Amino acid sequence: MSTLFLPPGAARGARLSPALRRALAGLAALAIALPACAAAAAPRASSLPLPPALQALARSGKVKILSRFPTAVAGLAGYVVRYEGSTEVVYGERGYLFVGELISPKSADLNSRYRARYAPTPDYGAVIRRLDRGGHLITEGPADAPTIYAIIDPNCSFCYRFYHMAEPLIGAGRLQVRWVLVGFLESTSRARAAAILTAAHPRLALRLDEDRFDVAHEHGGIAPARTIPPRIAAVLKAHLDAMSDIGGSGTPTLMFHKPNGQWSVEVGLPPERWLMAYAHAGRRR
């Protein structure tokens, strides 16, 4: 596997969208590791009834079921669902709904594999063009360096860590990052994002937020804005909509080029070695 793009499951951490947490918390979310099962002919996923909890969410319109599929485990059906733009994989068996990671006996992350196979692919290029036209990205680094669009929340500790991983590469001219501000993790997130975007120098305001980040309490270092101008509120909503459109369920959400030049997305903090390899891979195509 090439080191120039994130392998499935490589991201090590993300702050999850509260909306997604609320939708799934009532389903008794579980992280399940299934033991090896004897080979058996699994029923077709389409022939298995939906778990009652998933049926209720679908009927209420809170969740849209995009696809259903058989899994490697006999009797366990998989479902790709969408909630407020976030795309997730969940599982059902004998009326039970399982929400969490499905790990194979060989420790493979089956969620990522099933998501890649059965989830519809967003139009990343259209989302990027929309963000660029919005005019409120904070761009650091040379235009011809490998580029990452990083969707971040001012109160996100994983975003803080990614910011400080990226800064030396940006300073060396090896990487360009276009920071996309959102505000949803905490009650002060929108006001902190607004404070950054309305500052005389947003780049310096972002640096202040990250340099003075309170790691213990997961709070950004910039004071929240007292009021949020309507135009900035619209920008923050547009950024959050973009995050939803590409399936971002938490922050940081990263958009980057794969070796074939196509855009790809990962949610969470990438390994530092991947970021180094990406930045040193050469100038933008």
Foldseek 3Di string as FASTA:
>chain_A
DDLQDDDPPQFDDFQFFVLVCVLCVVLVEDADEDADDDDDDADFFVPDDDQPSVVVCVVVVQKDWQDKGDDRDHQKIKTWIAGLLATFIWIDHPNRIYHHFYAYNVRDGVRRVCCVVRPDAFPLVVLVVVLVVLPQWDKFADPFAFEKEWEDWLLIPQVLVQVVLCVVLSVVRLYMYTYQYAAGNDPQRLQLSQCLSPDPRNVVSSVQQSVQQDNVVSHTRDDGHPDHDPSSVVSNVSSVSSCSSRNNRGPTKMWGADPVRDIDIDHHRHDSVSVVCNSPVDTHD
